[in-house]
Amino acid sequence: MPIWGEIFLLLYKVKRKAENENFAVVAYTIGKDVIVYDPTIKKFSCRIGEITFHLTIEELTDSIVDGAFVPIQED
């Protein structure tokens, strides 16, 4: 469970920043795609190609731990 908590904490900091600024904040990128927290819908938006997923912080944390939506760097 320590990994889950660490990931959750990092995402929570992004969420709080977005809520405090009332502006979508980029959490991280997956290649050319982006994961942002949108305070208007109170969810993380994951745009992968032409598909957009809207996930709660818990859903995104679980997904990352399970190997989905994992941050990668594009060379």
PDB file of N, CA and C in Angstrom:
ATOM      1  N   MET A   1       0.790  -1.214   0.000  1.00  0.00           N
ATOM      2  CA  MET A   1       0.000   0.000   0.000  1.00  0.00           C
ATOM      3  C   MET A   1       0.839   1.289   0.000  1.00  0.00           C
ATOM      4  N   PRO A   2       2.148   1.246   0.360  1.00  0.00           N
ATOM      5  CA  PRO A   2       2.914   2.492   0.366  1.00  0.00           C
ATOM      6  C   PRO A   2       2.981   3.164  -0.998  1.00  0.00           C
ATOM      7  N   ILE A   3       3.117   2.390  -2.074  1.00  0.00           N
ATOM      8  CA  ILE A   3       3.188   2.977  -3.417  1.00  0.00           C
ATOM      9  C   ILE A   3       1.884   3.695  -3.738  1.00  0.00           C
ATOM     10  N   TRP A   4       0.756   3.071  -3.423  1.00  0.00           N
ATOM     11  CA  TRP A   4      -0.551   3.677  -3.692  1.00  0.00           C
ATOM     12  C   TRP A   4      -0.644   5.030  -2.990  1.00  0.00           C
ATOM     13  N   GLY A   5      -0.227   5.068  -1.735  1.00  0.00           N
ATOM     14  CA  GLY A   5      -0.298   6.305  -0.964  1.00  0.00           C
ATOM     15  C   GLY A   5       0.586   7.402  -1.525  1.00  0.00           C
ATOM     16  N   GLU A   6       1.780   7.040  -1.974  1.00  0.00           N
ATOM     17  CA  GLU A   6       2.693   8.031  -2.550  1.00  0.00           C
ATOM     18  C   GLU A   6       2.127   8.621  -3.835  1.00  0.00           C
ATOM     19  N   ILE A   7       1.589   7.763  -4.677  1.00  0.00           N
ATOM     20  CA  ILE A   7       0.985   8.238  -5.931  1.00  0.00           C
ATOM     21  C   ILE A   7      -0.217   9.121  -5.625  1.00  0.00           C
ATOM     22  N   PHE A   8      -1.062   8.683  -4.700  1.00  0.00           N
ATOM     23  CA  PHE A   8      -2.235   9.458  -4.309  1.00  0.00           C
ATOM     24  C   PHE A   8      -1.815  10.843  -3.821  1.00  0.00           C
ATOM     25  N   LEU A   9      -0.783  10.906  -2.977  1.00  0.00           N
ATOM     26  CA  LEU A   9      -0.332  12.189  -2.435  1.00  0.00           C
ATOM     27  C   LEU A   9       0.130  13.136  -3.536  1.00  0.00           C
ATOM     28  N   LEU A  10       0.883  12.628  -4.496  1.00  0.00           N
ATOM     29  CA  LEU A  10       1.332  13.466  -5.611  1.00  0.00           C
ATOM     30  C   LEU A  10       0.150  13.991  -6.419  1.00  0.00           C
ATOM     31  N   LEU A  11      -0.814  13.113  -6.705  1.00  0.00           N
ATOM     32  CA  LEU A  11      -2.001  13.547  -7.453  1.00  0.00           C
ATOM     33  C   LEU A  11      -2.847  14.526  -6.636  1.00  0.00           C
ATOM     34  N   TYR A  12      -2.898  14.308  -5.319  1.00  0.00           N
ATOM     35  CA  TYR A  12      -3.662  15.197  -4.440  1.00  0.00           C
ATOM     36  C   TYR A  12      -3.085  16.607  -4.483  1.00  0.00           C
ATOM     37  N   LYS A  13      -1.752  16.725  -4.534  1.00  0.00           N
ATOM     38  CA  LYS A  13      -1.122  18.046  -4.617  1.00  0.00           C
ATOM     39  C   LYS A  13      -1.508  18.757  -5.912  1.00  0.00           C
ATOM     40  N   VAL A  14      -1.565  18.018  -7.005  1.00  0.00           N
ATOM     41  CA  VAL A  14      -1.998  18.598  -8.286  1.00  0.00           C
ATOM     42  C   VAL A  14      -3.458  19.044  -8.178  1.00  0.00           C
ATOM     43  N   LYS A  15      -4.282  18.190  -7.599  1.00  0.00           N
ATOM     44  CA  LYS A  15      -5.713  18.488  -7.429  1.00  0.00           C
ATOM     45  C   LYS A  15      -5.912  19.759  -6.606  1.00  0.00           C
ATOM     46  N   ARG A  16      -5.207  19.872  -5.482  1.00  0.00           N
ATOM     47  CA  ARG A  16      -5.339  21.048  -4.612  1.00  0.00           C
ATOM     48  C   ARG A  16      -4.891  22.318  -5.332  1.00  0.00           C
ATOM     49  N   LYS A  17      -3.791  22.228  -6.082  1.00  0.00           N
ATOM     50  CA  LYS A  17      -3.314  23.398  -6.819  1.00  0.00           C
ATOM     51  C   LYS A  17      -4.360  23.856  -7.824  1.00  0.00           C
ATOM     52  N   ALA A  18      -4.928  22.902  -8.554  1.00  0.00           N
ATOM     53  CA  ALA A  18      -5.958  23.240  -9.550  1.00  0.00           C
ATOM     54  C   ALA A  18      -7.181  23.853  -8.883  1.00  0.00           C
ATOM     55  N   GLU A  19      -7.581  23.299  -7.748  1.00  0.00           N
ATOM     56  CA  GLU A  19      -8.750  23.839  -7.044  1.00  0.00           C
ATOM     57  C   GLU A  19      -8.474  25.233  -6.481  1.00  0.00           C
ATOM     58  N   ASN A  20      -7.271  25.434  -5.948  1.00  0.00           N
ATOM     59  CA  ASN A  20      -6.921  26.748  -5.391  1.00  0.00           C
ATOM     60  C   ASN A  20      -6.815  27.808  -6.469  1.00  0.00           C
ATOM     61  N   GLU A  21      -6.305  27.441  -7.624  1.00  0.00           N
ATOM     62  CA  GLU A  21      -6.152  28.396  -8.728  1.00  0.00           C
ATOM     63  C   GLU A  21      -7.390  28.460  -9.609  1.00  0.00           C
ATOM     64  N   ASN A  22      -8.320  27.504  -9.408  1.00  0.00           N
ATOM     65  CA  ASN A  22      -9.533  27.392 -10.218  1.00  0.00           C
ATOM     66  C   ASN A  22      -9.185  27.345 -11.705  1.00  0.00           C
ATOM     67  N   PHE A  23      -8.193  26.510 -12.012  1.00  0.00           N
ATOM     68  CA  PHE A  23      -7.700  26.385 -13.372  1.00  0.00           C
ATOM     69  C   PHE A  23      -7.163  24.971 -13.559  1.00  0.00           C
ATOM     70  N   ALA A  24      -7.385  24.381 -14.728  1.00  0.00           N
ATOM     71  CA  ALA A  24      -6.883  23.030 -15.001  1.00  0.00           C
ATOM     72  C   ALA A  24      -5.365  23.010 -14.911  1.00  0.00           C
ATOM     73  N   VAL A  25      -4.838  22.004 -14.211  1.00  0.00           N
ATOM     74  CA  VAL A  25      -3.395  21.876 -14.002  1.00  0.00           C
ATOM     75  C   VAL A  25      -2.933  20.535 -14.570  1.00  0.00           C
ATOM     76  N   VAL A  26      -1.840  20.573 -15.321  1.00  0.00           N
ATOM     77  CA  VAL A  26      -1.268  19.354 -15.885  1.00  0.00           C
ATOM     78  C   VAL A  26      -0.601  18.561 -14.767  1.00  0.00           C
ATOM     79  N   ALA A  27      -0.984  17.291 -14.653  1.00  0.00           N
ATOM     80  CA  ALA A  27      -0.367  16.401 -13.670  1.00  0.00           C
ATOM     81  C   ALA A  27       0.895  15.786 -14.262  1.00  0.00           C
ATOM     82  N   TYR A  28       0.795  15.246 -15.474  1.00  0.00           N
ATOM     83  CA  TYR A  28       1.932  14.645 -16.153  1.00  0.00           C
ATOM     84  C   TYR A  28       1.541  14.326 -17.580  1.00  0.00           C
ATOM     85  N   THR A  29       2.523  13.876 -18.362  1.00  0.00           N
ATOM     86  CA  THR A  29       2.261  13.510 -19.747  1.00  0.00           C
ATOM     87  C   THR A  29       2.547  12.032 -19.964  1.00  0.00           C
ATOM     88  N   ILE A  30       1.888  11.505 -20.965  1.00  0.00           N
ATOM     89  CA  ILE A  30       2.148  10.149 -21.447  1.00  0.00           C
ATOM     90  C   ILE A  30       2.504  10.326 -22.916  1.00  0.00           C
ATOM     91  N   GLY A  31       3.800  10.395 -23.181  1.00  0.00           N
ATOM     92  CA  GLY A  31       4.224  10.695 -24.540  1.00  0.00           C
ATOM     93  C   GLY A  31       3.746  12.079 -24.933  1.00  0.00           C
ATOM     94  N   LYS A  32       2.916  12.145 -25.963  1.00  0.00           N
ATOM     95  CA  LYS A  32       2.367  13.425 -26.411  1.00  0.00           C
ATOM     96  C   LYS A  32       1.015  13.721 -25.781  1.00  0.00           C
ATOM     97  N   ASP A  33       0.490  12.787 -25.017  1.00  0.00           N
ATOM     98  CA  ASP A  33      -0.815  12.959 -24.382  1.00  0.00           C
ATOM     99  C   ASP A  33      -0.648  13.523 -22.975  1.00  0.00           C
ATOM    100  N   VAL A  34      -1.728  14.074 -22.442  1.00  0.00           N
ATOM    101  CA  VAL A  34      -1.626  14.809 -21.185  1.00  0.00           C
ATOM    102  C   VAL A  34      -2.702  14.369 -20.193  1.00  0.00           C
ATOM    103  N   ILE A  35      -2.329  14.397 -18.903  1.00  0.00           N
ATOM    104  CA  ILE A  35      -3.251  14.118 -17.809  1.00  0.00           C
ATOM    105  C   ILE A  35      -3.388  15.421 -17.028  1.00  0.00           C
ATOM    106  N   VAL A  36      -4.602  15.949 -16.919  1.00  0.00           N
ATOM    107  CA  VAL A  36      -4.835  17.198 -16.190  1.00  0.00           C
ATOM    108  C   VAL A  36      -5.923  17.008 -15.154  1.00  0.00           C
ATOM    109  N   TYR A  37      -5.861  17.821 -14.100  1.00  0.00           N
ATOM    110  CA  TYR A  37      -6.973  17.865 -13.155  1.00  0.00           C
ATOM    111  C   TYR A  37      -7.813  19.061 -13.526  1.00  0.00           C
ATOM    112  N   ASP A  38      -9.100  18.825 -13.763  1.00  0.00           N
ATOM    113  CA  ASP A  38     -10.037  19.880 -14.147  1.00  0.00           C
ATOM    114  C   ASP A  38     -10.957  20.173 -12.973  1.00  0.00           C
ATOM    115  N   PRO A  39     -10.784  21.314 -12.310  1.00  0.00           N
ATOM    116  CA  PRO A  39     -11.602  21.612 -11.132  1.00  0.00           C
ATOM    117  C   PRO A  39     -13.079  21.852 -11.445  1.00  0.00           C
ATOM    118  N   THR A  40     -13.405  22.122 -12.703  1.00  0.00           N
ATOM    119  CA  THR A  40     -14.818  22.341 -13.036  1.00  0.00           C
ATOM    120  C   THR A  40     -15.624  21.048 -12.987  1.00  0.00           C
ATOM    121  N   ILE A  41     -14.966  19.919 -13.302  1.00  0.00           N
ATOM    122  CA  ILE A  41     -15.672  18.629 -13.236  1.00  0.00           C
ATOM    123  C   ILE A  41     -15.203  17.794 -12.046  1.00  0.00           C
ATOM    124  N   LYS A  42     -14.167  18.329 -11.340  1.00  0.00           N
ATOM    125  CA  LYS A  42     -13.614  17.678 -10.146  1.00  0.00           C
ATOM    126  C   LYS A  42     -13.081  16.277 -10.431  1.00  0.00           C
ATOM    127  N   LYS A  43     -12.418  16.147 -11.602  1.00  0.00           N
ATOM    128  CA  LYS A  43     -11.837  14.859 -11.994  1.00  0.00           C
ATOM    129  C   LYS A  43     -10.578  15.087 -12.817  1.00  0.00           C
ATOM    130  N   PHE A  44      -9.777  14.051 -12.892  1.00  0.00           N
ATOM    131  CA  PHE A  44      -8.631  14.063 -13.782  1.00  0.00           C
ATOM    132  C   PHE A  44      -9.119  13.693 -15.175  1.00  0.00           C
ATOM    133  N   SER A  45      -8.686  14.445 -16.157  1.00  0.00           N
ATOM    134  CA  SER A  45      -9.008  14.154 -17.549  1.00  0.00           C
ATOM    135  C   SER A  45      -7.763  13.570 -18.199  1.00  0.00           C
ATOM    136  N   CYS A  46      -7.934  12.393 -18.742  1.00  0.00           N
ATOM    137  CA  CYS A  46      -6.837  11.694 -19.396  1.00  0.00           C
ATOM    138  C   CYS A  46      -7.174  11.594 -20.873  1.00  0.00           C
ATOM    139  N   ARG A  47      -6.509  12.415 -21.669  1.00  0.00           N
ATOM    140  CA  ARG A  47      -6.746  12.370 -23.104  1.00  0.00           C
ATOM    141  C   ARG A  47      -5.660  11.508 -23.722  1.00  0.00           C
ATOM    142  N   ILE A  48      -6.045  10.364 -24.213  1.00  0.00           N
ATOM    143  CA  ILE A  48      -5.131   9.446 -24.861  1.00  0.00           C
ATOM    144  C   ILE A  48      -5.590   9.325 -26.314  1.00  0.00           C
ATOM    145  N   GLY A  49      -4.830   9.932 -27.204  1.00  0.00           N
ATOM    146  CA  GLY A  49      -5.253   9.962 -28.600  1.00  0.00           C
ATOM    147  C   GLY A  49      -6.531  10.775 -28.726  1.00  0.00           C
ATOM    148  N   GLU A  50      -7.570  10.148 -29.241  1.00  0.00           N
ATOM    149  CA  GLU A  50      -8.845  10.842 -29.419  1.00  0.00           C
ATOM    150  C   GLU A  50      -9.875  10.470 -28.364  1.00  0.00           C
ATOM    151  N   ILE A  51      -9.448   9.696 -27.364  1.00  0.00           N
ATOM    152  CA  ILE A  51     -10.361   9.263 -26.296  1.00  0.00           C
ATOM    153  C   ILE A  51     -10.011  10.019 -25.025  1.00  0.00           C
ATOM    154  N   THR A  52     -11.025  10.523 -24.324  1.00  0.00           N
ATOM    155  CA  THR A  52     -10.814  11.205 -23.060  1.00  0.00           C
ATOM    156  C   THR A  52     -11.482  10.414 -21.940  1.00  0.00           C
ATOM    157  N   PHE A  53     -10.718  10.137 -20.898  1.00  0.00           N
ATOM    158  CA  PHE A  53     -11.233   9.467 -19.710  1.00  0.00           C
ATOM    159  C   PHE A  53     -11.336  10.506 -18.600  1.00  0.00           C
ATOM    160  N   HIS A  54     -12.379  10.427 -17.794  1.00  0.00           N
ATOM    161  CA  HIS A  54     -12.540  11.290 -16.625  1.00  0.00           C
ATOM    162  C   HIS A  54     -12.519  10.394 -15.404  1.00  0.00           C
ATOM    163  N   LEU A  55     -11.496  10.579 -14.566  1.00  0.00           N
ATOM    164  CA  LEU A  55     -11.294   9.694 -13.426  1.00  0.00           C
ATOM    165  C   LEU A  55     -11.185  10.476 -12.123  1.00  0.00           C
ATOM    166  N   THR A  56     -11.711   9.892 -11.049  1.00  0.00           N
ATOM    167  CA  THR A  56     -11.489  10.462  -9.721  1.00  0.00           C
ATOM    168  C   THR A  56     -10.043  10.219  -9.338  1.00  0.00           C
ATOM    169  N   ILE A  57      -9.592  10.861  -8.297  1.00  0.00           N
ATOM    170  CA  ILE A  57      -8.216  10.675  -7.844  1.00  0.00           C
ATOM    171  C   ILE A  57      -7.954   9.226  -7.453  1.00  0.00           C
ATOM    172  N   GLU A  58      -8.934   8.574  -6.846  1.00  0.00           N
ATOM    173  CA  GLU A  58      -8.781   7.172  -6.454  1.00  0.00           C
ATOM    174  C   GLU A  58      -8.711   6.265  -7.678  1.00  0.00           C
ATOM    175  N   GLU A  59      -9.559   6.535  -8.667  1.00  0.00           N
ATOM    176  CA  GLU A  59      -9.551   5.731  -9.892  1.00  0.00           C
ATOM    177  C   GLU A  59      -8.232   5.876 -10.648  1.00  0.00           C
ATOM    178  N   LEU A  60      -7.711   7.113 -10.721  1.00  0.00           N
ATOM    179  CA  LEU A  60      -6.451   7.325 -11.419  1.00  0.00           C
ATOM    180  C   LEU A  60      -5.306   6.663 -10.655  1.00  0.00           C
ATOM    181  N   THR A  61      -5.302   6.785  -9.339  1.00  0.00           N
ATOM    182  CA  THR A  61      -4.266   6.144  -8.533  1.00  0.00           C
ATOM    183  C   THR A  61      -4.282   4.635  -8.740  1.00  0.00           C
ATOM    184  N   ASP A  62      -5.461   4.026  -8.666  1.00  0.00           N
ATOM    185  CA  ASP A  62      -5.585   2.582  -8.908  1.00  0.00           C
ATOM    186  C   ASP A  62      -5.097   2.212 -10.301  1.00  0.00           C
ATOM    187  N   SER A  63      -5.443   3.020 -11.297  1.00  0.00           N
ATOM    188  CA  SER A  63      -5.036   2.750 -12.681  1.00  0.00           C
ATOM    189  C   SER A  63      -3.528   2.785 -12.839  1.00  0.00           C
ATOM    190  N   ILE A  64      -2.887   3.770 -12.224  1.00  0.00           N
ATOM    191  CA  ILE A  64      -1.428   3.873 -12.320  1.00  0.00           C
ATOM    192  C   ILE A  64      -0.774   2.666 -11.650  1.00  0.00           C
ATOM    193  N   VAL A  65      -1.259   2.300 -10.470  1.00  0.00           N
ATOM    194  CA  VAL A  65      -0.714   1.137  -9.754  1.00  0.00           C
ATOM    195  C   VAL A  65      -0.895  -0.126 -10.585  1.00  0.00           C
ATOM    196  N   ASP A  66      -2.013  -0.221 -11.305  1.00  0.00           N
ATOM    197  CA  ASP A  66      -2.295  -1.396 -12.141  1.00  0.00           C
ATOM    198  C   ASP A  66      -1.585  -1.353 -13.494  1.00  0.00           C
ATOM    199  N   GLY A  67      -0.871  -0.259 -13.779  1.00  0.00           N
ATOM    200  CA  GLY A  67      -0.087  -0.187 -15.005  1.00  0.00           C
ATOM    201  C   GLY A  67      -0.718   0.597 -16.135  1.00  0.00           C
ATOM    202  N   ALA A  68      -1.867   1.204 -15.907  1.00  0.00           N
ATOM    203  CA  ALA A  68      -2.518   2.038 -16.929  1.00  0.00           C
ATOM    204  C   ALA A  68      -2.214   3.509 -16.641  1.00  0.00           C
ATOM    205  N   PHE A  69      -2.190   4.325 -17.669  1.00  0.00           N
ATOM    206  CA  PHE A  69      -1.947   5.763 -17.554  1.00  0.00           C
ATOM    207  C   PHE A  69      -0.619   6.062 -16.865  1.00  0.00           C
ATOM    208  N   VAL A  70       0.376   5.217 -17.075  1.00  0.00           N
ATOM    209  CA  VAL A  70       1.681   5.393 -16.445  1.00  0.00           C
ATOM    210  C   VAL A  70       2.466   6.478 -17.172  1.00  0.00           C
ATOM    211  N   PRO A  71       3.037   7.419 -16.433  1.00  0.00           N
ATOM    212  CA  PRO A  71       3.833   8.479 -17.081  1.00  0.00           C
ATOM    213  C   PRO A  71       5.029   7.886 -17.818  1.00  0.00           C
ATOM    214  N   ILE A  72       5.244   8.359 -19.040  1.00  0.00           N
ATOM    215  CA  ILE A  72       6.434   7.974 -19.801  1.00  0.00           C
ATOM    216  C   ILE A  72       7.002   9.210 -20.453  1.00  0.00           C
ATOM    217  N   GLN A  73       8.274   9.169 -20.710  1.00  0.00           N
ATOM    218  CA  GLN A  73       8.915  10.263 -21.419  1.00  0.00           C
ATOM    219  C   GLN A  73       9.048   9.889 -22.883  1.00  0.00           C
ATOM    220  N   GLU A  74       8.797  10.857 -23.713  1.00  0.00           N
ATOM    221  CA  GLU A  74       8.979  10.645 -25.152  1.00  0.00           C
ATOM    222  C   GLU A  74      10.384  11.053 -25.514  1.00  0.00           C
ATOM    223  N   ASP A  75      11.077  10.220 -26.245  1.00  0.00           N
ATOM    224  CA  ASP A  75      12.459  10.525 -26.643  1.00  0.00           C
ATOM    225  C   ASP A  75      12.508  11.492 -27.791  1.00  0.00           C
TER     226      ASP A  75
END
